Amino acid sequence: MASTVSLEGIKKAVFFPFQGRSWPSKLLIGIVLGLAGFLVVPALFINGYSARIMQNIIRADEDPSLPEWTDWGGLLLDGVKLFGVVVLYQLPALLLIVGGYFLSLALSLGFSLAVVPLASSDPNNIPAWPFIGSMFGSFAGIFIAVFGFMLVFVSLIFVPPAVGNMIAKGEFNAAFRVREWWPVFKANLSGYFLAVVIALGLMSVLYFVLMAFYMTVVLCALLPLVIGVTAFVVGMVTYALFAVAYRDGLRKLAVEA
């Protein structure tokens, strides 16, 4: 059985992609799929591979490791499920962002067009209400979109335990049974907080690395390869961190029971 020390488990989750048997070849397959991730299907295979990593951590209580690339049909199915959970949890936020943008655009454009007949009838006496309405519409849409962006970060808090519960129970609907995963989440709040912080930190590092390559003429040609490598590794580490946090939550519940 793996160690019950949370920090030890998190440390293993960060460095596991470069450890274990045949890790270079397994990593290479993931990198190739990452390079073709824009085709959607390869990205789903990577999601399924992430789910398999989580299964080994949560169900088998193993340390994070790169599993074999086998059962591609199962990988695809698990990838669709994982993608579906993340999208559904973030759907309200995405609707607010898109809705806010179109509301701002529609109201601004509508009030601006209202000025045209008024200006044609009396160009020296144009009322202020179209301009006020246009400004109000723009600010209202921006406010809704900003609220949507804030909701994205809120959803990031609940996605990890939801995905962990889906993996633990082997059922897609388990991700939305809040009463099941909430006790696990509550039992290991510090672990989940640390996992999310590390994941966001890795994504920030990834962003700055990509920008550095993008802004450098010589290294710009290597940008696709860097994206494939870093995106795959960061994704594996992120889901491994979430799995470790869920497993530690289960352990803490068992001790308290």
C-alpha atoms as a PDB file:
ATOM      1  CA  MET A   1       0.000   0.000   0.000  1.00  0.00           C
ATOM      2  CA  ALA A   2       1.225   3.516  -0.794  1.00  0.00           C
ATOM      3  CA  SER A   3       2.212   5.905   1.948  1.00  0.00           C
ATOM      4  CA  THR A   4      -0.560   7.811   3.727  1.00  0.00           C
ATOM      5  CA  VAL A   5       1.522  10.971   4.000  1.00  0.00           C
ATOM      6  CA  SER A   6      -0.214  13.597   1.832  1.00  0.00           C
ATOM      7  CA  LEU A   7       2.931  15.576   1.021  1.00  0.00           C
ATOM      8  CA  GLU A   8       4.713  12.404  -0.017  1.00  0.00           C
ATOM      9  CA  GLY A   9       1.839  11.455  -2.292  1.00  0.00           C
ATOM     10  CA  ILE A  10       1.792  14.914  -3.857  1.00  0.00           C
ATOM     11  CA  LYS A  11       5.546  14.799  -4.406  1.00  0.00           C
ATOM     12  CA  LYS A  12       5.206  11.455  -6.185  1.00  0.00           C
ATOM     13  CA  ALA A  13       2.355  12.840  -8.301  1.00  0.00           C
ATOM     14  CA  VAL A  14       4.542  15.704  -9.533  1.00  0.00           C
ATOM     15  CA  PHE A  15       7.530  13.614 -10.634  1.00  0.00           C
ATOM     16  CA  PHE A  16       5.968  10.292 -11.653  1.00  0.00           C
ATOM     17  CA  PRO A  17       5.891  10.930 -15.453  1.00  0.00           C
ATOM     18  CA  PHE A  18       9.689  10.517 -15.480  1.00  0.00           C
ATOM     19  CA  GLN A  19       9.812   7.387 -13.372  1.00  0.00           C
ATOM     20  CA  GLY A  20       8.883   3.728 -13.657  1.00  0.00           C
ATOM     21  CA  ARG A  21       9.421   1.046 -16.251  1.00  0.00           C
ATOM     22  CA  SER A  22       9.500   2.124 -19.918  1.00  0.00           C
ATOM     23  CA  TRP A  23       8.486   5.688 -19.047  1.00  0.00           C
ATOM     24  CA  PRO A  24      10.272   7.230 -22.099  1.00  0.00           C
ATOM     25  CA  SER A  25       8.245   5.178 -24.593  1.00  0.00           C
ATOM     26  CA  LYS A  26       4.970   5.762 -22.723  1.00  0.00           C
ATOM     27  CA  LEU A  27       5.731   9.459 -22.543  1.00  0.00           C
ATOM     28  CA  LEU A  28       6.551   9.548 -26.237  1.00  0.00           C
ATOM     29  CA  ILE A  29       3.145   8.115 -27.185  1.00  0.00           C
ATOM     30  CA  GLY A  30       1.438  10.743 -25.050  1.00  0.00           C
ATOM     31  CA  ILE A  31       3.523  13.520 -26.610  1.00  0.00           C
ATOM     32  CA  VAL A  32       2.604  12.384 -30.132  1.00  0.00           C
ATOM     33  CA  LEU A  33      -1.071  12.393 -29.185  1.00  0.00           C
ATOM     34  CA  GLY A  34      -0.599  15.782 -27.560  1.00  0.00           C
ATOM     35  CA  LEU A  35       0.795  17.202 -30.786  1.00  0.00           C
ATOM     36  CA  ALA A  36      -2.352  16.004 -32.577  1.00  0.00           C
ATOM     37  CA  GLY A  37      -4.645  17.124 -29.758  1.00  0.00           C
ATOM     38  CA  PHE A  38      -6.300  19.770 -31.940  1.00  0.00           C
ATOM     39  CA  LEU A  39      -8.020  16.891 -33.788  1.00  0.00           C
ATOM     40  CA  VAL A  40     -10.120  16.251 -30.635  1.00  0.00           C
ATOM     41  CA  VAL A  41      -9.977  12.435 -30.737  1.00  0.00           C
ATOM     42  CA  PRO A  42      -6.294  12.265 -29.700  1.00  0.00           C
ATOM     43  CA  ALA A  43      -7.120  14.646 -26.856  1.00  0.00           C
ATOM     44  CA  LEU A  44      -9.867  12.251 -25.715  1.00  0.00           C
ATOM     45  CA  PHE A  45      -7.345   9.393 -25.660  1.00  0.00           C
ATOM     46  CA  ILE A  46      -5.138  11.526 -23.416  1.00  0.00           C
ATOM     47  CA  ASN A  47      -8.118  12.203 -21.145  1.00  0.00           C
ATOM     48  CA  GLY A  48      -8.767   8.470 -20.990  1.00  0.00           C
ATOM     49  CA  TYR A  49      -5.128   7.872 -20.104  1.00  0.00           C
ATOM     50  CA  SER A  50      -5.494  10.433 -17.298  1.00  0.00           C
ATOM     51  CA  ALA A  51      -8.542   8.544 -16.061  1.00  0.00           C
ATOM     52  CA  ARG A  52      -6.548   5.301 -16.057  1.00  0.00           C
ATOM     53  CA  ILE A  53      -3.832   6.957 -13.958  1.00  0.00           C
ATOM     54  CA  MET A  54      -6.510   8.074 -11.503  1.00  0.00           C
ATOM     55  CA  GLN A  55      -7.995   4.575 -11.406  1.00  0.00           C
ATOM     56  CA  ASN A  56      -4.664   3.079 -10.377  1.00  0.00           C
ATOM     57  CA  ILE A  57      -4.273   5.656  -7.612  1.00  0.00           C
ATOM     58  CA  ILE A  58      -7.832   5.606  -6.246  1.00  0.00           C
ATOM     59  CA  ARG A  59      -9.068   2.072  -6.857  1.00  0.00           C
ATOM     60  CA  ALA A  60      -5.823   0.102  -6.617  1.00  0.00           C
ATOM     61  CA  ASP A  61      -4.258   2.436  -4.018  1.00  0.00           C
ATOM     62  CA  GLU A  62      -1.025   2.551  -6.013  1.00  0.00           C
ATOM     63  CA  ASP A  63       1.540   5.301  -6.308  1.00  0.00           C
ATOM     64  CA  PRO A  64       1.190   7.451  -9.443  1.00  0.00           C
ATOM     65  CA  SER A  65       2.702   5.784 -12.495  1.00  0.00           C
ATOM     66  CA  LEU A  66       2.366   5.739 -16.263  1.00  0.00           C
ATOM     67  CA  PRO A  67       0.207   2.714 -17.239  1.00  0.00           C
ATOM     68  CA  GLU A  68       0.493   0.841 -20.511  1.00  0.00           C
ATOM     69  CA  TRP A  69      -1.185   2.253 -23.593  1.00  0.00           C
ATOM     70  CA  THR A  70      -3.675  -0.587 -24.040  1.00  0.00           C
ATOM     71  CA  ASP A  71      -7.449  -0.958 -24.537  1.00  0.00           C
ATOM     72  CA  TRP A  72      -7.765   2.074 -26.790  1.00  0.00           C
ATOM     73  CA  GLY A  73     -11.527   1.723 -26.932  1.00  0.00           C
ATOM     74  CA  GLY A  74     -11.695   1.943 -23.144  1.00  0.00           C
ATOM     75  CA  LEU A  75      -9.354   4.936 -23.193  1.00  0.00           C
ATOM     76  CA  LEU A  76     -11.623   6.732 -25.644  1.00  0.00           C
ATOM     77  CA  LEU A  77     -14.760   6.011 -23.589  1.00  0.00           C
ATOM     78  CA  ASP A  78     -13.130   7.126 -20.343  1.00  0.00           C
ATOM     79  CA  GLY A  79     -11.810  10.209 -22.117  1.00  0.00           C
ATOM     80  CA  VAL A  80     -15.298  11.181 -23.233  1.00  0.00           C
ATOM     81  CA  LYS A  81     -16.605  10.741 -19.685  1.00  0.00           C
ATOM     82  CA  LEU A  82     -13.831  12.826 -18.160  1.00  0.00           C
ATOM     83  CA  PHE A  83     -14.305  15.549 -20.755  1.00  0.00           C
ATOM     84  CA  GLY A  84     -18.067  15.490 -20.182  1.00  0.00           C
ATOM     85  CA  VAL A  85     -17.745  15.985 -16.429  1.00  0.00           C
ATOM     86  CA  VAL A  86     -15.388  18.946 -16.798  1.00  0.00           C
ATOM     87  CA  VAL A  87     -17.563  20.598 -19.458  1.00  0.00           C
ATOM     88  CA  LEU A  88     -20.811  20.136 -17.541  1.00  0.00           C
ATOM     89  CA  TYR A  89     -19.347  21.582 -14.356  1.00  0.00           C
ATOM     90  CA  GLN A  90     -18.032  24.594 -16.250  1.00  0.00           C
ATOM     91  CA  LEU A  91     -21.060  24.978 -18.550  1.00  0.00           C
ATOM     92  CA  PRO A  92     -22.884  27.591 -16.403  1.00  0.00           C
ATOM     93  CA  ALA A  93     -19.746  29.737 -16.301  1.00  0.00           C
ATOM     94  CA  LEU A  94     -19.198  29.375 -20.053  1.00  0.00           C
ATOM     95  CA  LEU A  95     -22.821  30.322 -20.773  1.00  0.00           C
ATOM     96  CA  LEU A  96     -22.463  33.447 -18.635  1.00  0.00           C
ATOM     97  CA  ILE A  97     -19.234  34.443 -20.387  1.00  0.00           C
ATOM     98  CA  VAL A  98     -20.659  33.943 -23.881  1.00  0.00           C
ATOM     99  CA  GLY A  99     -24.030  35.414 -22.905  1.00  0.00           C
ATOM    100  CA  GLY A 100     -22.424  38.470 -21.350  1.00  0.00           C
ATOM    101  CA  TYR A 101     -20.369  39.082 -24.470  1.00  0.00           C
ATOM    102  CA  PHE A 102     -23.357  38.854 -26.818  1.00  0.00           C
ATOM    103  CA  LEU A 103     -25.563  40.898 -24.473  1.00  0.00           C
ATOM    104  CA  SER A 104     -22.975  43.671 -24.419  1.00  0.00           C
ATOM    105  CA  LEU A 105     -22.615  43.523 -28.201  1.00  0.00           C
ATOM    106  CA  ALA A 106     -26.372  43.407 -28.873  1.00  0.00           C
ATOM    107  CA  LEU A 107     -27.329  46.256 -26.525  1.00  0.00           C
ATOM    108  CA  SER A 108     -24.451  48.454 -27.643  1.00  0.00           C
ATOM    109  CA  LEU A 109     -25.246  47.858 -31.300  1.00  0.00           C
ATOM    110  CA  GLY A 110     -29.001  48.258 -30.749  1.00  0.00           C
ATOM    111  CA  PHE A 111     -28.758  51.597 -28.988  1.00  0.00           C
ATOM    112  CA  SER A 112     -26.142  52.798 -31.478  1.00  0.00           C
ATOM    113  CA  LEU A 113     -28.476  51.980 -34.379  1.00  0.00           C
ATOM    114  CA  ALA A 114     -31.269  53.855 -32.599  1.00  0.00           C
ATOM    115  CA  VAL A 115     -29.260  57.033 -33.005  1.00  0.00           C
ATOM    116  CA  VAL A 116     -29.399  56.821 -36.828  1.00  0.00           C
ATOM    117  CA  PRO A 117     -33.091  57.756 -37.363  1.00  0.00           C
ATOM    118  CA  LEU A 118     -32.894  60.336 -34.576  1.00  0.00           C
ATOM    119  CA  ALA A 119     -29.859  61.959 -36.160  1.00  0.00           C
ATOM    120  CA  SER A 120     -31.455  61.986 -39.601  1.00  0.00           C
ATOM    121  CA  SER A 121     -34.618  63.718 -38.350  1.00  0.00           C
ATOM    122  CA  ASP A 122     -32.906  66.276 -36.117  1.00  0.00           C
ATOM    123  CA  PRO A 123     -29.093  66.104 -36.083  1.00  0.00           C
ATOM    124  CA  ASN A 124     -28.848  69.060 -33.686  1.00  0.00           C
ATOM    125  CA  ASN A 125     -31.121  67.549 -31.048  1.00  0.00           C
ATOM    126  CA  ILE A 126     -30.051  63.963 -30.406  1.00  0.00           C
ATOM    127  CA  PRO A 127     -31.219  62.690 -27.000  1.00  0.00           C
ATOM    128  CA  ALA A 128     -28.749  61.209 -24.544  1.00  0.00           C
ATOM    129  CA  TRP A 129     -30.652  58.000 -23.821  1.00  0.00           C
ATOM    130  CA  PRO A 130     -29.159  55.949 -26.717  1.00  0.00           C
ATOM    131  CA  PHE A 131     -25.633  56.696 -25.519  1.00  0.00           C
ATOM    132  CA  ILE A 132     -26.539  56.004 -21.896  1.00  0.00           C
ATOM    133  CA  GLY A 133     -28.250  52.770 -22.932  1.00  0.00           C
ATOM    134  CA  SER A 134     -25.254  51.712 -24.983  1.00  0.00           C
ATOM    135  CA  MET A 135     -22.899  52.304 -22.045  1.00  0.00           C
ATOM    136  CA  PHE A 136     -25.256  50.507 -19.662  1.00  0.00           C
ATOM    137  CA  GLY A 137     -25.521  47.539 -22.020  1.00  0.00           C
ATOM    138  CA  SER A 138     -21.754  47.314 -22.371  1.00  0.00           C
ATOM    139  CA  PHE A 139     -21.187  47.424 -18.619  1.00  0.00           C
ATOM    140  CA  ALA A 140     -23.991  44.925 -17.954  1.00  0.00           C
ATOM    141  CA  GLY A 141     -22.536  42.451 -20.424  1.00  0.00           C
ATOM    142  CA  ILE A 142     -19.020  42.904 -19.064  1.00  0.00           C
ATOM    143  CA  PHE A 143     -20.278  42.376 -15.501  1.00  0.00           C
ATOM    144  CA  ILE A 144     -22.026  39.131 -16.466  1.00  0.00           C
ATOM    145  CA  ALA A 145     -18.932  37.899 -18.329  1.00  0.00           C
ATOM    146  CA  VAL A 146     -16.653  38.741 -15.375  1.00  0.00           C
ATOM    147  CA  PHE A 147     -19.018  36.873 -13.062  1.00  0.00           C
ATOM    148  CA  GLY A 148     -18.755  33.943 -15.457  1.00  0.00           C
ATOM    149  CA  PHE A 149     -14.952  34.016 -15.255  1.00  0.00           C
ATOM    150  CA  MET A 150     -15.185  34.039 -11.455  1.00  0.00           C
ATOM    151  CA  LEU A 151     -17.511  31.042 -11.645  1.00  0.00           C
ATOM    152  CA  VAL A 152     -14.887  29.202 -13.714  1.00  0.00           C
ATOM    153  CA  PHE A 153     -12.477  29.394 -10.780  1.00  0.00           C
ATOM    154  CA  VAL A 154     -15.227  28.257  -8.389  1.00  0.00           C
ATOM    155  CA  SER A 155     -15.926  25.243 -10.599  1.00  0.00           C
ATOM    156  CA  LEU A 156     -12.223  24.372 -10.538  1.00  0.00           C
ATOM    157  CA  ILE A 157     -12.624  23.739  -6.804  1.00  0.00           C
ATOM    158  CA  PHE A 158     -15.370  21.164  -7.260  1.00  0.00           C
ATOM    159  CA  VAL A 159     -14.221  19.423 -10.443  1.00  0.00           C
ATOM    160  CA  PRO A 160     -11.384  17.455  -8.731  1.00  0.00           C
ATOM    161  CA  PRO A 161     -13.543  15.664  -6.113  1.00  0.00           C
ATOM    162  CA  ALA A 162     -16.327  15.167  -8.659  1.00  0.00           C
ATOM    163  CA  VAL A 163     -13.958  13.497 -11.131  1.00  0.00           C
ATOM    164  CA  GLY A 164     -12.413  11.489  -8.297  1.00  0.00           C
ATOM    165  CA  ASN A 165     -15.825  10.144  -7.292  1.00  0.00           C
ATOM    166  CA  MET A 166     -16.609   9.193 -10.884  1.00  0.00           C
ATOM    167  CA  ILE A 167     -13.326   7.269 -11.072  1.00  0.00           C
ATOM    168  CA  ALA A 168     -13.851   5.645  -7.664  1.00  0.00           C
ATOM    169  CA  LYS A 169     -17.407   4.477  -8.428  1.00  0.00           C
ATOM    170  CA  GLY A 170     -16.877   3.798 -12.123  1.00  0.00           C
ATOM    171  CA  GLU A 171     -20.072   5.679 -12.991  1.00  0.00           C
ATOM    172  CA  PHE A 172     -20.435   8.917 -14.932  1.00  0.00           C
ATOM    173  CA  ASN A 173     -23.362  10.062 -12.752  1.00  0.00           C
ATOM    174  CA  ALA A 174     -21.225   9.665  -9.619  1.00  0.00           C
ATOM    175  CA  ALA A 175     -19.503  12.941 -10.520  1.00  0.00           C
ATOM    176  CA  PHE A 176     -22.775  14.765  -9.851  1.00  0.00           C
ATOM    177  CA  ARG A 177     -23.730  12.960  -6.649  1.00  0.00           C
ATOM    178  CA  VAL A 178     -22.480  15.737  -4.408  1.00  0.00           C
ATOM    179  CA  ARG A 179     -23.516  13.965  -1.203  1.00  0.00           C
ATOM    180  CA  GLU A 180     -21.048  11.196  -2.027  1.00  0.00           C
ATOM    181  CA  TRP A 181     -17.960  13.247  -2.813  1.00  0.00           C
ATOM    182  CA  TRP A 182     -18.554  16.183  -0.473  1.00  0.00           C
ATOM    183  CA  PRO A 183     -17.430  14.306   2.675  1.00  0.00           C
ATOM    184  CA  VAL A 184     -14.238  13.241   0.875  1.00  0.00           C
ATOM    185  CA  PHE A 185     -13.612  16.804  -0.224  1.00  0.00           C
ATOM    186  CA  LYS A 186     -14.334  18.183   3.235  1.00  0.00           C
ATOM    187  CA  ALA A 187     -12.073  15.627   4.923  1.00  0.00           C
ATOM    188  CA  ASN A 188      -9.075  16.711   2.848  1.00  0.00           C
ATOM    189  CA  LEU A 189      -9.616  20.405   2.154  1.00  0.00           C
ATOM    190  CA  SER A 190      -5.937  21.218   2.617  1.00  0.00           C
ATOM    191  CA  GLY A 191      -4.924  18.439   0.230  1.00  0.00           C
ATOM    192  CA  TYR A 192      -7.317  19.636  -2.465  1.00  0.00           C
ATOM    193  CA  PHE A 193      -6.217  23.231  -1.974  1.00  0.00           C
ATOM    194  CA  LEU A 194      -2.575  22.243  -2.363  1.00  0.00           C
ATOM    195  CA  ALA A 195      -3.345  20.107  -5.418  1.00  0.00           C
ATOM    196  CA  VAL A 196      -5.219  22.959  -7.145  1.00  0.00           C
ATOM    197  CA  VAL A 197      -2.502  25.487  -6.289  1.00  0.00           C
ATOM    198  CA  ILE A 198       0.238  23.230  -7.672  1.00  0.00           C
ATOM    199  CA  ALA A 199      -1.802  22.498 -10.805  1.00  0.00           C
ATOM    200  CA  LEU A 200      -2.435  26.206 -11.424  1.00  0.00           C
ATOM    201  CA  GLY A 201       1.253  26.900 -10.771  1.00  0.00           C
ATOM    202  CA  LEU A 202       2.298  24.314 -13.347  1.00  0.00           C
ATOM    203  CA  MET A 203      -0.129  25.781 -15.870  1.00  0.00           C
ATOM    204  CA  SER A 204       1.301  29.246 -15.230  1.00  0.00           C
ATOM    205  CA  VAL A 205       4.828  27.942 -15.769  1.00  0.00           C
ATOM    206  CA  LEU A 206       3.633  26.241 -18.952  1.00  0.00           C
ATOM    207  CA  TYR A 207       2.174  29.531 -20.198  1.00  0.00           C
ATOM    208  CA  PHE A 208       5.377  31.489 -19.579  1.00  0.00           C
ATOM    209  CA  VAL A 209       7.491  28.772 -21.193  1.00  0.00           C
ATOM    210  CA  LEU A 210       5.295  28.820 -24.290  1.00  0.00           C
ATOM    211  CA  MET A 211       5.442  32.622 -24.427  1.00  0.00           C
ATOM    212  CA  ALA A 212       9.232  32.501 -24.147  1.00  0.00           C
ATOM    213  CA  PHE A 213       9.439  30.116 -27.104  1.00  0.00           C
ATOM    214  CA  TYR A 214       6.859  32.118 -29.055  1.00  0.00           C
ATOM    215  CA  MET A 215       8.763  35.392 -28.613  1.00  0.00           C
ATOM    216  CA  THR A 216      12.112  33.842 -29.582  1.00  0.00           C
ATOM    217  CA  VAL A 217      12.705  33.608 -33.317  1.00  0.00           C
ATOM    218  CA  VAL A 218      15.112  30.666 -33.093  1.00  0.00           C
ATOM    219  CA  LEU A 219      13.040  28.648 -30.631  1.00  0.00           C
ATOM    220  CA  CYS A 220       9.689  29.463 -32.221  1.00  0.00           C
ATOM    221  CA  ALA A 221      10.069  26.496 -34.599  1.00  0.00           C
ATOM    222  CA  LEU A 222      10.185  24.170 -31.576  1.00  0.00           C
ATOM    223  CA  LEU A 223       6.926  25.560 -30.150  1.00  0.00           C
ATOM    224  CA  PRO A 224       4.672  22.687 -31.363  1.00  0.00           C
ATOM    225  CA  LEU A 225       6.999  20.110 -29.790  1.00  0.00           C
ATOM    226  CA  VAL A 226       7.153  22.050 -26.522  1.00  0.00           C
ATOM    227  CA  ILE A 227       3.360  22.297 -26.453  1.00  0.00           C
ATOM    228  CA  GLY A 228       3.022  18.541 -26.974  1.00  0.00           C
ATOM    229  CA  VAL A 229       5.510  17.682 -24.237  1.00  0.00           C
ATOM    230  CA  THR A 230       4.458  20.183 -21.583  1.00  0.00           C
ATOM    231  CA  ALA A 231       0.697  19.912 -22.143  1.00  0.00           C
ATOM    232  CA  PHE A 232       0.748  16.136 -21.801  1.00  0.00           C
ATOM    233  CA  VAL A 233       2.994  16.124 -18.726  1.00  0.00           C
ATOM    234  CA  VAL A 234       1.109  18.920 -16.952  1.00  0.00           C
ATOM    235  CA  GLY A 235      -2.204  17.181 -17.670  1.00  0.00           C
ATOM    236  CA  MET A 236      -0.983  13.867 -16.256  1.00  0.00           C
ATOM    237  CA  VAL A 237       0.414  15.536 -13.134  1.00  0.00           C
ATOM    238  CA  THR A 238      -2.772  17.553 -12.591  1.00  0.00           C
ATOM    239  CA  TYR A 239      -5.079  14.540 -12.636  1.00  0.00           C
ATOM    240  CA  ALA A 240      -2.640  12.524 -10.540  1.00  0.00           C
ATOM    241  CA  LEU A 241      -2.728  15.304  -7.930  1.00  0.00           C
ATOM    242  CA  PHE A 242      -6.527  15.225  -7.941  1.00  0.00           C
ATOM    243  CA  ALA A 243      -6.513  11.455  -7.517  1.00  0.00           C
ATOM    244  CA  VAL A 244      -4.059  11.622  -4.618  1.00  0.00           C
ATOM    245  CA  ALA A 245      -6.222  14.269  -2.931  1.00  0.00           C
ATOM    246  CA  TYR A 246      -9.324  12.071  -3.305  1.00  0.00           C
ATOM    247  CA  ARG A 247      -7.503   8.978  -2.034  1.00  0.00           C
ATOM    248  CA  ASP A 248      -6.175  10.878   0.987  1.00  0.00           C
ATOM    249  CA  GLY A 249      -9.690  12.118   1.696  1.00  0.00           C
ATOM    250  CA  LEU A 250     -10.976   8.540   1.705  1.00  0.00           C
ATOM    251  CA  ARG A 251      -8.186   7.518   4.071  1.00  0.00           C
ATOM    252  CA  LYS A 252      -8.968  10.330   6.469  1.00  0.00           C
ATOM    253  CA  LEU A 253     -12.647   9.385   6.480  1.00  0.00           C
ATOM    254  CA  ALA A 254     -11.710   5.767   7.243  1.00  0.00           C
ATOM    255  CA  VAL A 255      -9.555   6.878  10.178  1.00  0.00           C
ATOM    256  CA  GLU A 256     -12.299   9.107  11.553  1.00  0.00           C
ATOM    257  CA  ALA A 257     -14.967   6.397  11.212  1.00  0.00           C
END
